[in-house]
Amino acid sequence: KIRHLSSALAGLRELPRVKEVRQCGFIAGVEMQDSPEIARPGIAAAVCLEARRHSLLTRPIWNVVVLMPPLCITIAELTRAVEALRASIIKVWRCSDISARKDAEEITA
């Protein structure tokens, strides 16, 4: 299961706003960033809130989304959990990108 989690999490590295994916056994952390220069706690919290809409419980610690699945989780459930995390990261990225564009439009208007 640990190897499956590791390979499933590897796909998250390519997502926008993901700075780093770390894992120690069955505990994983996905470090988020607003841009290559900025890391804020808000983006991880937003991802965790979105993940709850997918019935996935995660925890934000500063700018890191922490995933600690129970040891009794099945491979299928583990796959769904990482897919839900991926969907949450993408949704938050798209929403933050839209708000950044709106802010830029207001400043230039």
N, C-alpha and C. Protein backbone atom coordinates (compact mmCIF):
# COMPACT_ATOMS: atom_id res chain seq x y z
N LYS A 1 0.82 -1.20 0.00
CA LYS A 1 0.00 0.00 0.00
C LYS A 1 0.86 1.26 0.00
N ILE A 2 1.98 1.21 0.70
CA ILE A 2 2.87 2.38 0.76
C ILE A 2 3.42 2.68 -0.63
N ARG A 3 3.82 1.64 -1.35
CA ARG A 3 4.33 1.85 -2.71
C ARG A 3 3.24 2.36 -3.64
N HIS A 4 2.04 1.86 -3.47
CA HIS A 4 0.93 2.34 -4.29
C HIS A 4 0.66 3.82 -4.02
N LEU A 5 0.67 4.20 -2.75
CA LEU A 5 0.49 5.62 -2.40
C LEU A 5 1.58 6.46 -3.03
N SER A 6 2.81 5.99 -2.94
CA SER A 6 3.94 6.72 -3.51
C SER A 6 3.79 6.93 -5.01
N SER A 7 3.42 5.87 -5.72
CA SER A 7 3.28 6.02 -7.18
C SER A 7 2.07 6.88 -7.53
N ALA A 8 1.00 6.80 -6.76
CA ALA A 8 -0.17 7.63 -7.03
C ALA A 8 0.14 9.11 -6.77
N LEU A 9 0.89 9.38 -5.71
CA LEU A 9 1.24 10.77 -5.38
C LEU A 9 2.22 11.37 -6.38
N ALA A 10 3.00 10.54 -7.04
CA ALA A 10 4.00 11.04 -8.00
C ALA A 10 3.35 11.88 -9.09
N GLY A 11 2.14 11.53 -9.48
CA GLY A 11 1.43 12.29 -10.50
C GLY A 11 1.05 13.70 -10.08
N LEU A 12 1.02 13.95 -8.78
CA LEU A 12 0.66 15.29 -8.29
C LEU A 12 1.78 16.29 -8.52
N ARG A 13 3.00 15.81 -8.66
CA ARG A 13 4.15 16.70 -8.81
C ARG A 13 4.05 17.60 -10.04
N GLU A 14 3.34 17.14 -11.06
CA GLU A 14 3.24 17.90 -12.30
C GLU A 14 2.17 19.00 -12.24
N LEU A 15 1.36 19.00 -11.19
CA LEU A 15 0.26 19.97 -11.11
C LEU A 15 0.77 21.37 -10.80
N PRO A 16 0.07 22.39 -11.31
CA PRO A 16 0.42 23.75 -10.96
C PRO A 16 0.18 23.96 -9.47
N ARG A 17 0.98 24.80 -8.87
CA ARG A 17 0.90 25.16 -7.45
C ARG A 17 1.45 24.08 -6.52
N VAL A 18 1.87 22.93 -7.04
CA VAL A 18 2.49 21.90 -6.20
C VAL A 18 3.99 22.10 -6.27
N LYS A 19 4.57 22.43 -5.12
CA LYS A 19 6.01 22.66 -5.06
C LYS A 19 6.76 21.35 -4.85
N GLU A 20 6.24 20.54 -3.92
CA GLU A 20 6.93 19.29 -3.59
C GLU A 20 5.94 18.30 -2.98
N VAL A 21 6.19 17.02 -3.21
CA VAL A 21 5.41 15.95 -2.58
C VAL A 21 6.38 15.14 -1.74
N ARG A 22 6.06 15.02 -0.44
CA ARG A 22 6.92 14.26 0.48
C ARG A 22 6.11 13.13 1.09
N GLN A 23 6.81 12.05 1.43
CA GLN A 23 6.13 10.91 2.02
C GLN A 23 7.06 10.21 2.99
N CYS A 24 6.49 9.81 4.12
CA CYS A 24 7.20 8.98 5.09
C CYS A 24 6.22 7.88 5.49
N GLY A 25 6.43 6.70 4.94
CA GLY A 25 5.49 5.62 5.20
C GLY A 25 4.12 5.94 4.63
N PHE A 26 3.12 5.94 5.51
CA PHE A 26 1.75 6.18 5.08
C PHE A 26 1.30 7.62 5.32
N ILE A 27 2.22 8.49 5.63
CA ILE A 27 1.92 9.91 5.82
C ILE A 27 2.54 10.67 4.65
N ALA A 28 1.73 11.52 4.02
CA ALA A 28 2.21 12.28 2.86
C ALA A 28 1.91 13.75 3.05
N GLY A 29 2.78 14.58 2.50
CA GLY A 29 2.58 16.03 2.51
C GLY A 29 2.76 16.58 1.11
N VAL A 30 1.81 17.41 0.69
CA VAL A 30 1.89 18.06 -0.61
C VAL A 30 2.07 19.55 -0.35
N GLU A 31 3.28 20.04 -0.64
CA GLU A 31 3.58 21.45 -0.39
C GLU A 31 3.04 22.29 -1.54
N MET A 32 2.24 23.29 -1.18
CA MET A 32 1.58 24.14 -2.16
C MET A 32 2.25 25.51 -2.21
N GLN A 33 2.09 26.19 -3.34
CA GLN A 33 2.59 27.56 -3.45
C GLN A 33 1.68 28.34 -4.41
N ASP A 34 1.53 29.64 -4.15
CA ASP A 34 0.69 30.49 -5.00
C ASP A 34 1.37 30.76 -6.33
N SER A 35 2.67 30.91 -6.29
CA SER A 35 3.47 31.15 -7.49
C SER A 35 4.86 30.62 -7.18
N PRO A 36 5.78 30.61 -8.14
CA PRO A 36 7.12 30.09 -7.83
C PRO A 36 7.80 30.81 -6.67
N GLU A 37 7.41 32.05 -6.39
CA GLU A 37 8.07 32.82 -5.34
C GLU A 37 7.29 32.86 -4.02
N ILE A 38 5.99 32.56 -4.05
CA ILE A 38 5.14 32.80 -2.89
C ILE A 38 4.54 31.50 -2.36
N ALA A 39 4.67 31.29 -1.06
CA ALA A 39 4.01 30.18 -0.39
C ALA A 39 3.22 30.75 0.78
N ARG A 40 1.90 30.55 0.79
CA ARG A 40 1.04 31.05 1.85
C ARG A 40 0.23 29.89 2.42
N PRO A 41 -0.18 30.01 3.68
CA PRO A 41 -0.98 28.94 4.27
C PRO A 41 -2.37 28.81 3.67
N GLY A 42 -2.90 29.88 3.10
CA GLY A 42 -4.27 29.87 2.59
C GLY A 42 -4.53 28.86 1.50
N ILE A 43 -3.57 28.63 0.65
CA ILE A 43 -3.81 27.72 -0.48
C ILE A 43 -3.96 26.27 0.00
N ALA A 44 -3.20 25.85 0.98
CA ALA A 44 -3.33 24.49 1.52
C ALA A 44 -4.68 24.32 2.21
N ALA A 45 -5.09 25.34 2.96
CA ALA A 45 -6.39 25.28 3.63
C ALA A 45 -7.53 25.21 2.61
N ALA A 46 -7.40 25.95 1.52
CA ALA A 46 -8.42 25.92 0.47
C ALA A 46 -8.49 24.54 -0.17
N VAL A 47 -7.35 23.92 -0.40
CA VAL A 47 -7.33 22.56 -0.97
C VAL A 47 -7.99 21.58 -0.01
N CYS A 48 -7.71 21.71 1.28
CA CYS A 48 -8.32 20.82 2.28
C CYS A 48 -9.84 20.98 2.32
N LEU A 49 -10.32 22.22 2.24
CA LEU A 49 -11.76 22.45 2.22
C LEU A 49 -12.40 21.84 0.98
N GLU A 50 -11.76 22.01 -0.15
CA GLU A 50 -12.28 21.42 -1.39
C GLU A 50 -12.25 19.90 -1.30
N ALA A 51 -11.21 19.34 -0.69
CA ALA A 51 -11.11 17.88 -0.56
C ALA A 51 -12.27 17.32 0.26
N ARG A 52 -12.74 18.09 1.24
CA ARG A 52 -13.89 17.63 2.04
C ARG A 52 -15.13 17.46 1.19
N ARG A 53 -15.25 18.26 0.14
CA ARG A 53 -16.39 18.11 -0.77
C ARG A 53 -16.33 16.77 -1.51
N HIS A 54 -15.15 16.17 -1.53
CA HIS A 54 -14.95 14.85 -2.13
C HIS A 54 -14.92 13.76 -1.05
N SER A 55 -15.32 14.12 0.17
CA SER A 55 -15.32 13.20 1.32
C SER A 55 -13.92 12.75 1.71
N LEU A 56 -12.93 13.59 1.45
CA LEU A 56 -11.55 13.28 1.81
C LEU A 56 -11.11 14.21 2.94
N LEU A 57 -10.70 13.62 4.05
CA LEU A 57 -10.22 14.42 5.17
C LEU A 57 -8.71 14.58 5.08
N THR A 58 -8.28 15.81 4.98
CA THR A 58 -6.86 16.15 4.96
C THR A 58 -6.66 17.25 5.99
N ARG A 59 -5.41 17.64 6.16
CA ARG A 59 -5.10 18.65 7.18
C ARG A 59 -4.08 19.63 6.62
N PRO A 60 -4.36 20.94 6.75
CA PRO A 60 -3.36 21.91 6.30
C PRO A 60 -2.38 22.23 7.44
N ILE A 61 -1.12 22.19 7.15
CA ILE A 61 -0.10 22.67 8.09
C ILE A 61 0.74 23.66 7.30
N TRP A 62 0.54 24.94 7.61
CA TRP A 62 1.12 26.08 6.88
C TRP A 62 0.75 25.96 5.41
N ASN A 63 1.67 25.69 4.53
CA ASN A 63 1.34 25.58 3.10
C ASN A 63 1.41 24.13 2.61
N VAL A 64 1.25 23.19 3.53
CA VAL A 64 1.33 21.76 3.19
C VAL A 64 -0.03 21.10 3.46
N VAL A 65 -0.49 20.33 2.49
CA VAL A 65 -1.69 19.51 2.66
C VAL A 65 -1.20 18.14 3.13
N VAL A 66 -1.65 17.73 4.31
CA VAL A 66 -1.21 16.46 4.89
C VAL A 66 -2.29 15.40 4.68
N LEU A 67 -1.86 14.27 4.16
CA LEU A 67 -2.75 13.13 3.92
C LEU A 67 -2.26 11.98 4.80
N MET A 68 -3.14 11.49 5.68
CA MET A 68 -2.79 10.38 6.57
C MET A 68 -3.91 9.34 6.50
N PRO A 69 -3.91 8.51 5.48
CA PRO A 69 -4.98 7.52 5.34
C PRO A 69 -4.88 6.45 6.43
N PRO A 70 -6.01 5.86 6.80
CA PRO A 70 -5.96 4.79 7.80
C PRO A 70 -5.27 3.55 7.22
N LEU A 71 -4.65 2.79 8.08
CA LEU A 71 -3.93 1.60 7.62
C LEU A 71 -4.85 0.55 7.00
N CYS A 72 -6.14 0.59 7.35
CA CYS A 72 -7.08 -0.41 6.83
C CYS A 72 -7.65 -0.02 5.46
N ILE A 73 -7.19 1.07 4.87
CA ILE A 73 -7.70 1.53 3.58
C ILE A 73 -7.36 0.52 2.49
N THR A 74 -8.27 0.37 1.53
CA THR A 74 -8.01 -0.54 0.42
C THR A 74 -7.24 0.21 -0.68
N ILE A 75 -6.68 -0.53 -1.60
CA ILE A 75 -5.96 0.08 -2.73
C ILE A 75 -6.92 0.96 -3.54
N ALA A 76 -8.14 0.47 -3.77
CA ALA A 76 -9.12 1.25 -4.54
C ALA A 76 -9.46 2.56 -3.82
N GLU A 77 -9.63 2.50 -2.50
CA GLU A 77 -9.93 3.71 -1.73
C GLU A 77 -8.74 4.67 -1.75
N LEU A 78 -7.55 4.12 -1.69
CA LEU A 78 -6.34 4.94 -1.74
C LEU A 78 -6.24 5.66 -3.09
N THR A 79 -6.54 4.95 -4.14
CA THR A 79 -6.54 5.56 -5.48
C THR A 79 -7.57 6.68 -5.55
N ARG A 80 -8.77 6.44 -5.03
CA ARG A 80 -9.82 7.47 -5.04
C ARG A 80 -9.41 8.67 -4.20
N ALA A 81 -8.72 8.44 -3.09
CA ALA A 81 -8.29 9.54 -2.23
C ALA A 81 -7.31 10.45 -2.96
N VAL A 82 -6.35 9.86 -3.65
CA VAL A 82 -5.37 10.67 -4.38
C VAL A 82 -6.04 11.37 -5.57
N GLU A 83 -6.99 10.70 -6.21
CA GLU A 83 -7.73 11.35 -7.30
C GLU A 83 -8.53 12.54 -6.78
N ALA A 84 -9.13 12.40 -5.60
CA ALA A 84 -9.88 13.50 -4.98
C ALA A 84 -8.94 14.65 -4.63
N LEU A 85 -7.76 14.32 -4.14
CA LEU A 85 -6.78 15.36 -3.82
C LEU A 85 -6.35 16.09 -5.08
N ARG A 86 -6.12 15.35 -6.15
CA ARG A 86 -5.75 15.95 -7.44
C ARG A 86 -6.86 16.89 -7.92
N ALA A 87 -8.10 16.43 -7.88
CA ALA A 87 -9.23 17.26 -8.32
C ALA A 87 -9.34 18.52 -7.47
N SER A 88 -9.08 18.40 -6.19
CA SER A 88 -9.16 19.55 -5.28
C SER A 88 -8.08 20.57 -5.59
N ILE A 89 -6.87 20.10 -5.85
CA ILE A 89 -5.77 21.01 -6.19
C ILE A 89 -6.09 21.75 -7.49
N ILE A 90 -6.58 21.03 -8.48
CA ILE A 90 -6.91 21.65 -9.76
C ILE A 90 -8.02 22.68 -9.60
N LYS A 91 -9.06 22.35 -8.83
CA LYS A 91 -10.18 23.28 -8.62
C LYS A 91 -9.70 24.55 -7.93
N VAL A 92 -8.90 24.41 -6.88
CA VAL A 92 -8.40 25.59 -6.16
C VAL A 92 -7.50 26.42 -7.07
N TRP A 93 -6.66 25.75 -7.86
CA TRP A 93 -5.78 26.47 -8.79
C TRP A 93 -6.60 27.27 -9.79
N ARG A 94 -7.62 26.65 -10.37
CA ARG A 94 -8.45 27.36 -11.35
C ARG A 94 -9.18 28.53 -10.72
N CYS A 95 -9.72 28.33 -9.52
CA CYS A 95 -10.44 29.42 -8.85
C CYS A 95 -9.49 30.55 -8.47
N SER A 96 -8.30 30.22 -7.98
CA SER A 96 -7.35 31.27 -7.60
C SER A 96 -6.83 32.00 -8.83
N ASP A 97 -6.72 31.28 -9.94
CA ASP A 97 -6.27 31.90 -11.19
C ASP A 97 -7.32 32.89 -11.69
N ILE A 98 -8.59 32.53 -11.58
CA ILE A 98 -9.67 33.43 -11.99
C ILE A 98 -9.69 34.67 -11.12
N SER A 99 -9.56 34.49 -9.77
CA SER A 99 -9.57 35.67 -8.90
C SER A 99 -8.36 36.56 -9.13
N ALA A 100 -7.23 35.97 -9.45
CA ALA A 100 -6.04 36.78 -9.73
C ALA A 100 -6.26 37.62 -10.99
N ARG A 101 -6.90 37.02 -11.99
CA ARG A 101 -7.19 37.78 -13.22
C ARG A 101 -8.18 38.91 -12.94
N LYS A 102 -9.20 38.64 -12.11
CA LYS A 102 -10.18 39.68 -11.76
C LYS A 102 -9.51 40.82 -11.01
N ASP A 103 -8.62 40.47 -10.06
CA ASP A 103 -7.89 41.50 -9.32
C ASP A 103 -7.05 42.35 -10.26
N ALA A 104 -6.38 41.71 -11.21
CA ALA A 104 -5.54 42.44 -12.17
C ALA A 104 -6.40 43.36 -13.04
N GLU A 105 -7.58 42.89 -13.44
CA GLU A 105 -8.46 43.72 -14.25
C GLU A 105 -8.94 44.94 -13.47
N GLU A 106 -9.25 44.76 -12.18
CA GLU A 106 -9.70 45.88 -11.35
C GLU A 106 -8.59 46.91 -11.16
N ILE A 107 -7.37 46.44 -11.02
CA ILE A 107 -6.24 47.35 -10.81
C ILE A 107 -5.98 48.16 -12.07
N THR A 108 -6.07 47.51 -13.23
CA THR A 108 -5.77 48.21 -14.49
C THR A 108 -6.95 49.04 -15.00
N ALA A 109 -8.14 48.81 -14.47
CA ALA A 109 -9.33 49.55 -14.94
C ALA A 109 -9.38 50.97 -14.40
